[in-house]
Structure formats: structure tokens, C-alpha cells
């Protein structure tokens, strides 16, 4: 969409529109009114200790640990994507750099469609299968992008765009459902550190590798990482739809304690 606005109306309108969306987002956040009493324990803990508590909770919770491993593999692959798409346009499709905007628009189309479908997928199939679907879309998209033909690269771009909402929505929903409110901030901070650092390193590594290694090899590695991540979740995570969990909780008798036993997980 941005590429279309730029070509039709010029840079000025694009910049103004982009700034307006950020201003609107800031206004909407400012209108949210919510007061929370900060837990006394959180006041006494240093930031490092709070993040360490998040690390420990993720490590001892099988589902969160498994999703974190899968997310780490995915962000490394997406980190390489920052640089390799330029090679796809130049060396693969022999198009000018501005054609990257077309691929970006195709990715946006896939992202919108997947964003609409993500909630339905999680309700019916569970977060695990939703994330696996996103990882599979990304793997297929990277493999298709290695072909020197727009007929393959175009649908590959749509699949890559569709993969992100499915992965992010599934991972974040699972973390919110499996984390107590008192640990939510710490766990979220720990997850951001675990994902942000490898992604930054992968972006730098991808920029260096693209000058030394054929871009198709890098795309093959990216696709393999996504496929490995999906396979890891498929063999280690239980997949329970959100509706099933909600129905079980509503059916529970008042005063009845929640069972503490759970099916064994393979780490």
C-alpha cells in the first residue's frame, strides 16, 4: 500500500499519512484508563532480577519453553530476510530496487488475510497449530522466493507476509494464557530479550553473508529453519483449542480446584 501511495501521490502525502497513523495510535493509547496497584515485591526487585524471574518461569513451563525455542529459530530466519530480499529482486528477478515495494505490498496482502484468520484458527485448532501453520507458510515462501521467476516469488511473498500474524498471534496468546498476571510483565520482558538479541545478530549476519554466499543458499537455510521449527512444535506441543479450554473452565463447579496434573510434555 505504501508503494502505491508513493507512486500515485508522492513522498509528502506518504510521510504525512504515516505520521498521522502514529499520532492516532498514541492518542488511542492515551485514552485508555486503567489503574493498577504495583505489587510490593516488584517494587523491591531490580530490573535484572525481574527479567531473570521471567527466564525461570519460561524455562520451567514446558509449553512456553517449546514455543520460545520455535520463536528463536523463526526470528533468526526472518533476520536474514532483511537483506536477502534485495538479492531476490536484483539477482533473481532482475528488477530495479523499487520493485521491492511490490513484494512488500504482496506481503501486506498476505498479512491482512492471515490477521483476519488467526483468531478463528486459534479458537478451532489451538495456538500450537496456528503457529505451525505460520511457520509452514514462511518455509514455503522462502523456498518459492529462491526461484528466478515472479510466478514463484509473488505467491512466496504472500505466504511470507501471512506467516507473521499467525506466528505472533499464536505465541503471544499462549504466553498470556499460560502466565499468571503477577509474572506477565517479567515473562514478556524475558521473551523480548530472548527474541530481540538473536534477531539483531541475524540481521547483521544476513547483511554480511549476502555478499559472500549465493542468496538462494541463504533462502534454503531460512526455509529449513522454519521447517525445523514447525517440526519441533509438531512433535513436542499439545494442541488444545481456546474454545476447549474456555468450555472446561465454565463447566467446572464453583469452588472446585483446578487440576494440577497435566499431560507429560517432551522438552
C-alpha atoms as a PDB file:
ATOM      1  CA  UNK A   1       0.000   0.000   0.000  1.00  0.00           C
ATOM      2  CA  UNK A   2       2.823   2.393   0.841  1.00  0.00           C
ATOM      3  CA  UNK A   3       4.451   1.778  -2.518  1.00  0.00           C
ATOM      4  CA  UNK A   4       1.163   2.523  -4.267  1.00  0.00           C
ATOM      5  CA  UNK A   5       0.638   5.797  -2.374  1.00  0.00           C
ATOM      6  CA  UNK A   6       4.230   6.817  -3.096  1.00  0.00           C
ATOM      7  CA  UNK A   7       3.905   6.234  -6.825  1.00  0.00           C
ATOM      8  CA  UNK A   8       0.470   7.864  -7.089  1.00  0.00           C
ATOM      9  CA  UNK A   9       0.721  10.877  -4.770  1.00  0.00           C
ATOM     10  CA  UNK A  10       4.403  11.368  -3.997  1.00  0.00           C
ATOM     11  CA  UNK A  11       6.523  11.274  -0.858  1.00  0.00           C
ATOM     12  CA  UNK A  12       4.905  14.177   1.026  1.00  0.00           C
ATOM     13  CA  UNK A  13       1.475  12.597   1.369  1.00  0.00           C
ATOM     14  CA  UNK A  14       3.041   9.263   2.346  1.00  0.00           C
ATOM     15  CA  UNK A  15       5.059  10.868   5.146  1.00  0.00           C
ATOM     16  CA  UNK A  16       2.051  12.842   6.419  1.00  0.00           C
ATOM     17  CA  UNK A  17      -0.131   9.746   6.393  1.00  0.00           C
ATOM     18  CA  UNK A  18       2.494   7.672   8.162  1.00  0.00           C
ATOM     19  CA  UNK A  19       2.927  10.328  10.856  1.00  0.00           C
ATOM     20  CA  UNK A  20      -0.857  10.559  11.275  1.00  0.00           C
ATOM     21  CA  UNK A  21      -1.146   6.832  11.991  1.00  0.00           C
ATOM     22  CA  UNK A  22       1.463   7.073  14.761  1.00  0.00           C
ATOM     23  CA  UNK A  23      -0.280  10.128  16.223  1.00  0.00           C
ATOM     24  CA  UNK A  24      -3.636   8.306  16.174  1.00  0.00           C
ATOM     25  CA  UNK A  25      -2.103   5.264  17.876  1.00  0.00           C
ATOM     26  CA  UNK A  26      -0.584   7.471  20.591  1.00  0.00           C
ATOM     27  CA  UNK A  27      -3.938   9.206  21.139  1.00  0.00           C
ATOM     28  CA  UNK A  28      -5.823   5.918  21.456  1.00  0.00           C
ATOM     29  CA  UNK A  29      -3.306   4.619  23.995  1.00  0.00           C
ATOM     30  CA  UNK A  30      -3.553   7.863  25.970  1.00  0.00           C
ATOM     31  CA  UNK A  31      -7.343   7.446  26.165  1.00  0.00           C
ATOM     32  CA  UNK A  32      -7.030   4.086  27.911  1.00  0.00           C
ATOM     33  CA  UNK A  33      -7.816   4.475  31.610  1.00  0.00           C
ATOM     34  CA  UNK A  34      -6.619   1.690  33.857  1.00  0.00           C
ATOM     35  CA  UNK A  35      -5.212   1.875  37.365  1.00  0.00           C
ATOM     36  CA  UNK A  36      -3.198  -0.937  38.868  1.00  0.00           C
ATOM     37  CA  UNK A  37      -1.535  -1.231  42.223  1.00  0.00           C
ATOM     38  CA  UNK A  38       2.032  -2.265  41.703  1.00  0.00           C
ATOM     39  CA  UNK A  39       2.874  -5.419  43.692  1.00  0.00           C
ATOM     40  CA  UNK A  40       5.150  -4.744  46.633  1.00  0.00           C
ATOM     41  CA  UNK A  41       7.551  -7.490  45.555  1.00  0.00           C
ATOM     42  CA  UNK A  42       8.009  -5.847  42.164  1.00  0.00           C
ATOM     43  CA  UNK A  43       8.967  -2.560  43.838  1.00  0.00           C
ATOM     44  CA  UNK A  44      11.828  -4.234  45.649  1.00  0.00           C
ATOM     45  CA  UNK A  45      13.255  -6.106  42.668  1.00  0.00           C
ATOM     46  CA  UNK A  46      15.797  -4.730  40.274  1.00  0.00           C
ATOM     47  CA  UNK A  47      15.053  -4.877  36.560  1.00  0.00           C
ATOM     48  CA  UNK A  48      17.587  -7.652  36.023  1.00  0.00           C
ATOM     49  CA  UNK A  49      16.041  -9.741  38.776  1.00  0.00           C
ATOM     50  CA  UNK A  50      12.576  -9.311  37.283  1.00  0.00           C
ATOM     51  CA  UNK A  51      13.759 -10.412  33.831  1.00  0.00           C
ATOM     52  CA  UNK A  52      15.579 -13.359  35.436  1.00  0.00           C
ATOM     53  CA  UNK A  53      12.296 -14.373  37.077  1.00  0.00           C
ATOM     54  CA  UNK A  54      10.715 -14.337  33.625  1.00  0.00           C
ATOM     55  CA  UNK A  55      13.512 -16.529  32.265  1.00  0.00           C
ATOM     56  CA  UNK A  56      12.979 -19.035  35.073  1.00  0.00           C
ATOM     57  CA  UNK A  57       9.235 -19.205  34.515  1.00  0.00           C
ATOM     58  CA  UNK A  58       9.668 -19.793  30.781  1.00  0.00           C
ATOM     59  CA  UNK A  59      12.299 -22.461  31.419  1.00  0.00           C
ATOM     60  CA  UNK A  60      10.141 -24.447  33.844  1.00  0.00           C
ATOM     61  CA  UNK A  61       6.910 -24.206  31.813  1.00  0.00           C
ATOM     62  CA  UNK A  62       7.097 -26.798  29.005  1.00  0.00           C
ATOM     63  CA  UNK A  63       4.699 -25.135  26.555  1.00  0.00           C
ATOM     64  CA  UNK A  64       6.315 -21.699  26.923  1.00  0.00           C
ATOM     65  CA  UNK A  65       9.793 -23.193  26.648  1.00  0.00           C
ATOM     66  CA  UNK A  66       8.864 -25.032  23.467  1.00  0.00           C
ATOM     67  CA  UNK A  67       7.246 -22.003  21.847  1.00  0.00           C
ATOM     68  CA  UNK A  68      10.267 -19.884  22.759  1.00  0.00           C
ATOM     69  CA  UNK A  69      12.632 -22.323  21.040  1.00  0.00           C
ATOM     70  CA  UNK A  70      10.421 -22.293  17.948  1.00  0.00           C
ATOM     71  CA  UNK A  71      10.258 -18.489  18.003  1.00  0.00           C
ATOM     72  CA  UNK A  72      14.053 -18.253  18.262  1.00  0.00           C
ATOM     73  CA  UNK A  73      14.509 -20.317  15.108  1.00  0.00           C
ATOM     74  CA  UNK A  74      11.890 -18.223  13.335  1.00  0.00           C
ATOM     75  CA  UNK A  75      13.351 -14.812  14.238  1.00  0.00           C
ATOM     76  CA  UNK A  76      16.803 -15.895  13.040  1.00  0.00           C
ATOM     77  CA  UNK A  77      15.319 -16.775   9.659  1.00  0.00           C
ATOM     78  CA  UNK A  78      13.360 -13.520   9.482  1.00  0.00           C
ATOM     79  CA  UNK A  79      16.520 -11.646  10.447  1.00  0.00           C
ATOM     80  CA  UNK A  80      18.246 -12.958   7.320  1.00  0.00           C
ATOM     81  CA  UNK A  81      15.173 -11.881   5.335  1.00  0.00           C
ATOM     82  CA  UNK A  82      16.009  -8.208   5.878  1.00  0.00           C
ATOM     83  CA  UNK A  83      18.903  -8.437   3.410  1.00  0.00           C
ATOM     84  CA  UNK A  84      18.108 -11.369   1.160  1.00  0.00           C
ATOM     85  CA  UNK A  85      15.004  -9.826  -0.404  1.00  0.00           C
ATOM     86  CA  UNK A  86      17.157  -7.211  -2.104  1.00  0.00           C
ATOM     87  CA  UNK A  87      19.084 -10.034  -3.785  1.00  0.00           C
ATOM     88  CA  UNK A  88      15.811 -11.705  -4.792  1.00  0.00           C
ATOM     89  CA  UNK A  89      14.761  -8.536  -6.623  1.00  0.00           C
ATOM     90  CA  UNK A  90      18.175  -7.830  -8.163  1.00  0.00           C
ATOM     91  CA  UNK A  91      19.844 -11.166  -8.899  1.00  0.00           C
ATOM     92  CA  UNK A  92      16.727 -13.320  -9.061  1.00  0.00           C
ATOM     93  CA  UNK A  93      14.116 -11.223 -10.822  1.00  0.00           C
ATOM     94  CA  UNK A  94      16.460  -8.683 -12.468  1.00  0.00           C
ATOM     95  CA  UNK A  95      14.193  -5.827 -11.428  1.00  0.00           C
ATOM     96  CA  UNK A  96      15.102  -2.365 -10.073  1.00  0.00           C
ATOM     97  CA  UNK A  97      15.303  -1.894  -6.266  1.00  0.00           C
ATOM     98  CA  UNK A  98      11.950  -0.105  -6.291  1.00  0.00           C
ATOM     99  CA  UNK A  99      10.304  -3.427  -7.173  1.00  0.00           C
ATOM    100  CA  UNK A 100      10.852  -4.375  -3.550  1.00  0.00           C
ATOM    101  CA  UNK A 101       7.828  -2.192  -2.839  1.00  0.00           C
ATOM    102  CA  UNK A 102       5.689  -4.506  -4.950  1.00  0.00           C
ATOM    103  CA  UNK A 103       6.830  -7.513  -2.942  1.00  0.00           C
ATOM    104  CA  UNK A 104       6.167  -5.554   0.236  1.00  0.00           C
ATOM    105  CA  UNK A 105       2.606  -4.902  -0.928  1.00  0.00           C
ATOM    106  CA  UNK A 106       2.121  -8.606  -1.591  1.00  0.00           C
ATOM    107  CA  UNK A 107       3.407  -9.400   1.881  1.00  0.00           C
ATOM    108  CA  UNK A 108       0.966  -6.869   3.299  1.00  0.00           C
ATOM    109  CA  UNK A 109      -1.898  -8.555   1.480  1.00  0.00           C
ATOM    110  CA  UNK A 110      -0.948 -11.891   2.996  1.00  0.00           C
ATOM    111  CA  UNK A 111      -0.590 -10.330   6.446  1.00  0.00           C
ATOM    112  CA  UNK A 112      -4.086  -8.801   6.333  1.00  0.00           C
ATOM    113  CA  UNK A 113      -5.674 -12.089   5.287  1.00  0.00           C
ATOM    114  CA  UNK A 114      -3.793 -14.050   7.949  1.00  0.00           C
ATOM    115  CA  UNK A 115      -4.583 -11.470  10.620  1.00  0.00           C
ATOM    116  CA  UNK A 116      -8.295 -11.987   9.998  1.00  0.00           C
ATOM    117  CA  UNK A 117      -7.918 -15.777  10.045  1.00  0.00           C
ATOM    118  CA  UNK A 118      -5.613 -16.017  13.092  1.00  0.00           C
ATOM    119  CA  UNK A 119      -8.334 -15.660  15.745  1.00  0.00           C
ATOM    120  CA  UNK A 120     -10.530 -18.277  14.094  1.00  0.00           C
ATOM    121  CA  UNK A 121      -7.585 -20.642  13.747  1.00  0.00           C
ATOM    122  CA  UNK A 122      -6.659 -20.337  17.419  1.00  0.00           C
ATOM    123  CA  UNK A 123     -10.220 -20.930  18.596  1.00  0.00           C
ATOM    124  CA  UNK A 124     -10.663 -24.026  16.475  1.00  0.00           C
ATOM    125  CA  UNK A 125      -7.183 -25.529  16.303  1.00  0.00           C
ATOM    126  CA  UNK A 126      -5.228 -24.015  19.181  1.00  0.00           C
ATOM    127  CA  UNK A 127      -2.201 -21.784  19.339  1.00  0.00           C
ATOM    128  CA  UNK A 128       0.231 -24.604  18.552  1.00  0.00           C
ATOM    129  CA  UNK A 129      -1.288 -25.480  15.203  1.00  0.00           C
ATOM    130  CA  UNK A 130      -1.726 -21.797  14.364  1.00  0.00           C
ATOM    131  CA  UNK A 131       1.971 -21.142  14.919  1.00  0.00           C
ATOM    132  CA  UNK A 132       2.882 -24.266  12.962  1.00  0.00           C
ATOM    133  CA  UNK A 133       0.730 -23.050  10.073  1.00  0.00           C
ATOM    134  CA  UNK A 134       2.582 -19.733  10.129  1.00  0.00           C
ATOM    135  CA  UNK A 135       5.975 -21.435  10.218  1.00  0.00           C
ATOM    136  CA  UNK A 136       4.973 -23.692   7.311  1.00  0.00           C
ATOM    137  CA  UNK A 137       3.812 -20.678   5.283  1.00  0.00           C
ATOM    138  CA  UNK A 138       7.143 -18.956   5.917  1.00  0.00           C
ATOM    139  CA  UNK A 139       9.126 -22.052   4.919  1.00  0.00           C
ATOM    140  CA  UNK A 140       7.167 -22.392   1.670  1.00  0.00           C
ATOM    141  CA  UNK A 141       7.513 -18.680   0.987  1.00  0.00           C
ATOM    142  CA  UNK A 142      11.292 -18.714   1.406  1.00  0.00           C
ATOM    143  CA  UNK A 143      11.693 -21.758  -0.822  1.00  0.00           C
ATOM    144  CA  UNK A 144       9.498 -20.186  -3.524  1.00  0.00           C
ATOM    145  CA  UNK A 145      11.497 -16.947  -3.342  1.00  0.00           C
ATOM    146  CA  UNK A 146      14.612 -18.813  -4.435  1.00  0.00           C
ATOM    147  CA  UNK A 147      13.125 -19.438  -7.894  1.00  0.00           C
ATOM    148  CA  UNK A 148      14.123 -16.836 -10.530  1.00  0.00           C
ATOM    149  CA  UNK A 149      10.529 -16.279 -11.605  1.00  0.00           C
ATOM    150  CA  UNK A 150       7.878 -13.820 -10.495  1.00  0.00           C
ATOM    151  CA  UNK A 151       5.293 -16.603 -10.765  1.00  0.00           C
ATOM    152  CA  UNK A 152       7.006 -18.255  -7.788  1.00  0.00           C
ATOM    153  CA  UNK A 153       8.287 -15.192  -5.919  1.00  0.00           C
ATOM    154  CA  UNK A 154       4.902 -13.406  -5.862  1.00  0.00           C
ATOM    155  CA  UNK A 155       2.983 -16.170  -4.030  1.00  0.00           C
ATOM    156  CA  UNK A 156       6.069 -16.685  -1.892  1.00  0.00           C
ATOM    157  CA  UNK A 157       5.844 -13.046  -0.776  1.00  0.00           C
ATOM    158  CA  UNK A 158       2.163 -13.512   0.105  1.00  0.00           C
ATOM    159  CA  UNK A 159       2.991 -16.584   2.198  1.00  0.00           C
ATOM    160  CA  UNK A 160       5.838 -14.813   3.994  1.00  0.00           C
ATOM    161  CA  UNK A 161       3.511 -11.942   4.838  1.00  0.00           C
ATOM    162  CA  UNK A 162       0.812 -14.322   6.042  1.00  0.00           C
ATOM    163  CA  UNK A 163       3.214 -16.191   8.300  1.00  0.00           C
ATOM    164  CA  UNK A 164       3.990 -13.345  10.698  1.00  0.00           C
ATOM    165  CA  UNK A 165       0.476 -12.668  12.089  1.00  0.00           C
ATOM    166  CA  UNK A 166      -0.108 -16.378  12.611  1.00  0.00           C
ATOM    167  CA  UNK A 167       3.181 -16.846  14.461  1.00  0.00           C
ATOM    168  CA  UNK A 168       2.973 -13.693  16.574  1.00  0.00           C
ATOM    169  CA  UNK A 169      -0.719 -14.104  17.473  1.00  0.00           C
ATOM    170  CA  UNK A 170      -0.245 -17.756  18.431  1.00  0.00           C
ATOM    171  CA  UNK A 171       2.861 -17.213  20.540  1.00  0.00           C
ATOM    172  CA  UNK A 172       1.566 -14.137  22.361  1.00  0.00           C
ATOM    173  CA  UNK A 173      -1.842 -15.688  23.059  1.00  0.00           C
ATOM    174  CA  UNK A 174      -0.252 -18.801  24.505  1.00  0.00           C
ATOM    175  CA  UNK A 175       2.045 -16.743  26.738  1.00  0.00           C
ATOM    176  CA  UNK A 176      -0.894 -14.718  28.020  1.00  0.00           C
ATOM    177  CA  UNK A 177      -2.977 -17.802  28.760  1.00  0.00           C
ATOM    178  CA  UNK A 178      -0.182 -19.747  30.436  1.00  0.00           C
ATOM    179  CA  UNK A 179       1.357 -16.945  32.532  1.00  0.00           C
ATOM    180  CA  UNK A 180      -0.036 -15.655  35.863  1.00  0.00           C
ATOM    181  CA  UNK A 181      -0.864 -11.948  35.909  1.00  0.00           C
ATOM    182  CA  UNK A 182       1.810 -11.321  38.540  1.00  0.00           C
ATOM    183  CA  UNK A 183       4.501 -12.656  36.184  1.00  0.00           C
ATOM    184  CA  UNK A 184       3.171 -11.328  32.878  1.00  0.00           C
ATOM    185  CA  UNK A 185       5.453  -8.291  32.681  1.00  0.00           C
ATOM    186  CA  UNK A 186       8.559 -10.247  33.675  1.00  0.00           C
ATOM    187  CA  UNK A 187       7.844 -13.057  31.244  1.00  0.00           C
ATOM    188  CA  UNK A 188       7.162 -10.612  28.423  1.00  0.00           C
ATOM    189  CA  UNK A 189      10.436  -8.793  29.111  1.00  0.00           C
ATOM    190  CA  UNK A 190      12.345 -12.080  29.144  1.00  0.00           C
ATOM    191  CA  UNK A 191      10.730 -13.152  25.863  1.00  0.00           C
ATOM    192  CA  UNK A 192      11.652  -9.832  24.239  1.00  0.00           C
ATOM    193  CA  UNK A 193      15.281 -10.301  25.270  1.00  0.00           C
ATOM    194  CA  UNK A 194      15.357 -13.910  24.056  1.00  0.00           C
ATOM    195  CA  UNK A 195      13.905 -12.911  20.678  1.00  0.00           C
ATOM    196  CA  UNK A 196      15.371  -9.444  20.184  1.00  0.00           C
ATOM    197  CA  UNK A 197      19.044 -10.312  20.645  1.00  0.00           C
ATOM    198  CA  UNK A 198      19.155 -13.248  18.153  1.00  0.00           C
ATOM    199  CA  UNK A 199      17.113 -11.258  15.645  1.00  0.00           C
ATOM    200  CA  UNK A 200      19.544  -8.330  15.791  1.00  0.00           C
ATOM    201  CA  UNK A 201      22.508 -10.663  15.344  1.00  0.00           C
ATOM    202  CA  UNK A 202      20.755 -12.427  12.448  1.00  0.00           C
ATOM    203  CA  UNK A 203      20.110  -9.111  10.660  1.00  0.00           C
ATOM    204  CA  UNK A 204      23.801  -8.211  10.912  1.00  0.00           C
ATOM    205  CA  UNK A 205      24.882 -11.702   9.863  1.00  0.00           C
ATOM    206  CA  UNK A 206      22.485 -11.683   6.911  1.00  0.00           C
ATOM    207  CA  UNK A 207      23.868  -8.375   5.680  1.00  0.00           C
ATOM    208  CA  UNK A 208      27.384  -9.829   5.758  1.00  0.00           C
ATOM    209  CA  UNK A 209      26.511 -13.228   4.282  1.00  0.00           C
ATOM    210  CA  UNK A 210      24.613 -11.839   1.313  1.00  0.00           C
ATOM    211  CA  UNK A 211      27.915 -10.505  -0.063  1.00  0.00           C
ATOM    212  CA  UNK A 212      29.648 -13.868   0.349  1.00  0.00           C
ATOM    213  CA  UNK A 213      27.006 -16.567  -0.215  1.00  0.00           C
ATOM    214  CA  UNK A 214      24.511 -17.097  -3.015  1.00  0.00           C
ATOM    215  CA  UNK A 215      21.146 -15.724  -1.918  1.00  0.00           C
ATOM    216  CA  UNK A 216      19.443 -18.995  -2.865  1.00  0.00           C
ATOM    217  CA  UNK A 217      21.562 -20.849  -0.325  1.00  0.00           C
ATOM    218  CA  UNK A 218      20.531 -18.358   2.353  1.00  0.00           C
ATOM    219  CA  UNK A 219      16.866 -18.762   1.396  1.00  0.00           C
ATOM    220  CA  UNK A 220      17.241 -22.541   1.615  1.00  0.00           C
ATOM    221  CA  UNK A 221      18.696 -22.191   5.117  1.00  0.00           C
ATOM    222  CA  UNK A 222      15.866 -19.854   6.096  1.00  0.00           C
ATOM    223  CA  UNK A 223      13.256 -22.288   4.810  1.00  0.00           C
ATOM    224  CA  UNK A 224      14.962 -25.160   6.611  1.00  0.00           C
ATOM    225  CA  UNK A 225      14.957 -23.213   9.892  1.00  0.00           C
ATOM    226  CA  UNK A 226      11.228 -22.575   9.561  1.00  0.00           C
ATOM    227  CA  UNK A 227      10.505 -26.195   8.688  1.00  0.00           C
ATOM    228  CA  UNK A 228      12.611 -27.385  11.637  1.00  0.00           C
ATOM    229  CA  UNK A 229      10.746 -25.022  13.954  1.00  0.00           C
ATOM    230  CA  UNK A 230       7.362 -26.314  12.759  1.00  0.00           C
ATOM    231  CA  UNK A 231       8.500 -29.926  13.130  1.00  0.00           C
ATOM    232  CA  UNK A 232       9.783 -29.212  16.635  1.00  0.00           C
ATOM    233  CA  UNK A 233       6.377 -27.900  17.722  1.00  0.00           C
ATOM    234  CA  UNK A 234       4.540 -30.715  15.971  1.00  0.00           C
ATOM    235  CA  UNK A 235       6.437 -33.348  17.952  1.00  0.00           C
ATOM    236  CA  UNK A 236       6.518 -31.643  21.357  1.00  0.00           C
ATOM    237  CA  UNK A 237       3.479 -29.465  21.978  1.00  0.00           C
ATOM    238  CA  UNK A 238      -0.053 -30.400  22.954  1.00  0.00           C
ATOM    239  CA  UNK A 239      -2.595 -28.570  20.818  1.00  0.00           C
ATOM    240  CA  UNK A 240      -5.735 -27.544  22.656  1.00  0.00           C
ATOM    241  CA  UNK A 241      -8.153 -25.074  21.047  1.00  0.00           C
ATOM    242  CA  UNK A 242      -9.023 -21.989  23.088  1.00  0.00           C
ATOM    243  CA  UNK A 243     -12.732 -22.888  22.996  1.00  0.00           C
ATOM    244  CA  UNK A 244     -11.971 -26.247  24.626  1.00  0.00           C
ATOM    245  CA  UNK A 245     -10.093 -24.580  27.469  1.00  0.00           C
ATOM    246  CA  UNK A 246     -12.835 -21.997  27.976  1.00  0.00           C
ATOM    247  CA  UNK A 247     -15.575 -24.656  27.963  1.00  0.00           C
ATOM    248  CA  UNK A 248     -13.703 -26.749  30.513  1.00  0.00           C
ATOM    249  CA  UNK A 249     -13.335 -23.772  32.832  1.00  0.00           C
ATOM    250  CA  UNK A 250     -17.010 -22.795  32.554  1.00  0.00           C
ATOM    251  CA  UNK A 251     -18.086 -26.368  33.230  1.00  0.00           C
ATOM    252  CA  UNK A 252     -16.023 -26.524  36.396  1.00  0.00           C
ATOM    253  CA  UNK A 253     -18.123 -26.489  39.545  1.00  0.00           C
ATOM    254  CA  UNK A 254     -17.822 -23.415  41.807  1.00  0.00           C
ATOM    255  CA  UNK A 255     -15.223 -23.957  44.471  1.00  0.00           C
ATOM    256  CA  UNK A 256     -13.712 -26.921  42.674  1.00  0.00           C
ATOM    257  CA  UNK A 257      -9.954 -26.700  42.440  1.00  0.00           C
ATOM    258  CA  UNK A 258      -8.272 -26.717  39.072  1.00  0.00           C
ATOM    259  CA  UNK A 259      -6.417 -29.989  38.497  1.00  0.00           C
ATOM    260  CA  UNK A 260      -2.707 -29.536  38.808  1.00  0.00           C
ATOM    261  CA  UNK A 261      -1.773 -32.536  36.746  1.00  0.00           C
ATOM    262  CA  UNK A 262      -1.131 -32.179  33.057  1.00  0.00           C
ATOM    263  CA  UNK A 263      -0.161 -34.465  30.212  1.00  0.00           C
ATOM    264  CA  UNK A 264       3.555 -35.056  30.044  1.00  0.00           C
ATOM    265  CA  UNK A 265       5.477 -32.740  27.745  1.00  0.00           C
ATOM    266  CA  UNK A 266       8.599 -33.549  25.879  1.00  0.00           C
ATOM    267  CA  UNK A 267      11.133 -30.747  26.176  1.00  0.00           C
END
